[in-house]
């Protein structure tokens, strides 16, 4: 029997960055978005938490239709 398992995860990361003093809220948001879009922030990212949204399995049979079976949800 062959089973295909699909895991859907939501990863929450934290980045500690320095931003210039004196920026208003809108400028702070833009600064963070710019850092993220240029890829500068991704190297600073550390995985803080991983939540499993769902885990499901599909049983693949060689000579008949595919059956699906849900294993259920797992949350850390």
Protein backbone atom coordinates (compact mmCIF):
# COMPACT_ATOMS: atom_id res chain seq x y z
CA UNK A 1 0.00 0.00 0.00
CA UNK A 2 1.25 3.48 -0.82
CA UNK A 3 0.12 6.51 1.17
CA UNK A 4 0.72 10.13 0.22
CA UNK A 5 0.86 12.33 3.33
CA UNK A 6 0.30 16.08 3.05
CA UNK A 7 1.37 18.33 5.92
CA UNK A 8 0.26 21.97 5.98
CA UNK A 9 2.30 24.14 8.33
CA UNK A 10 2.14 27.74 9.43
CA UNK A 11 5.57 29.01 10.44
CA UNK A 12 5.82 32.01 12.71
CA UNK A 13 9.20 33.75 12.67
CA UNK A 14 10.70 36.64 14.54
CA UNK A 15 13.29 39.03 13.21
CA UNK A 16 15.14 41.53 15.38
CA UNK A 17 16.03 44.51 13.20
CA UNK A 18 17.28 48.03 13.70
CA UNK A 19 15.28 50.87 12.21
CA UNK A 20 16.10 54.58 12.15
CA UNK A 21 14.82 56.73 15.01
CA UNK A 22 12.15 59.34 14.43
CA UNK A 23 10.00 57.43 11.91
CA UNK A 24 6.23 57.61 12.16
CA UNK A 25 4.10 54.44 12.10
CA UNK A 26 3.61 54.52 8.32
CA UNK A 27 7.35 54.93 7.68
CA UNK A 28 8.15 52.08 10.08
CA UNK A 29 5.74 49.78 8.23
CA UNK A 30 7.27 50.77 4.89
CA UNK A 31 10.81 50.22 6.19
CA UNK A 32 9.91 46.70 7.37
CA UNK A 33 8.15 45.86 4.08
CA UNK A 34 11.13 47.15 2.08
CA UNK A 35 13.57 45.03 4.15
CA UNK A 36 11.37 41.96 3.65
CA UNK A 37 10.87 42.53 -0.10
CA UNK A 38 14.59 42.96 -0.77
CA UNK A 39 15.38 39.73 1.11
CA UNK A 40 17.43 41.49 3.76
CA UNK A 41 15.16 40.32 6.56
CA UNK A 42 14.89 36.67 5.56
CA UNK A 43 18.48 35.92 6.57
CA UNK A 44 17.73 37.34 10.03
CA UNK A 45 14.64 35.19 10.51
CA UNK A 46 14.65 32.54 13.23
CA UNK A 47 11.83 30.03 13.45
CA UNK A 48 9.91 30.94 16.56
CA UNK A 49 6.94 28.59 16.34
CA UNK A 50 5.53 26.01 13.93
CA UNK A 51 1.84 25.17 13.95
CA UNK A 52 0.56 22.21 11.99
CA UNK A 53 -2.64 23.29 10.31
CA UNK A 54 -3.52 19.79 9.14
CA UNK A 55 -2.14 16.38 8.26
CA UNK A 56 -3.98 14.23 5.77
CA UNK A 57 -3.27 10.94 4.02
CA UNK A 58 -4.42 9.63 0.67
CA UNK A 59 -4.29 5.87 0.09
CA UNK A 60 -3.24 5.13 -3.47
CA UNK A 61 -4.44 1.82 -4.90
CA UNK A 62 -3.00 0.47 -8.12
CA UNK A 63 -6.16 -0.90 -9.76
CA UNK A 64 -9.01 1.18 -8.37
CA UNK A 65 -9.94 4.74 -7.59
CA UNK A 66 -8.03 6.76 -5.01
CA UNK A 67 -9.44 6.81 -1.49
CA UNK A 68 -8.84 9.66 0.93
CA UNK A 69 -8.52 9.35 4.66
CA UNK A 70 -8.13 12.22 7.06
CA UNK A 71 -5.76 11.58 9.96
CA UNK A 72 -6.87 14.71 11.74
CA UNK A 73 -5.36 17.95 12.93
CA UNK A 74 -2.26 18.23 15.07
CA UNK A 75 -1.32 21.41 16.90
CA UNK A 76 1.92 21.93 18.78
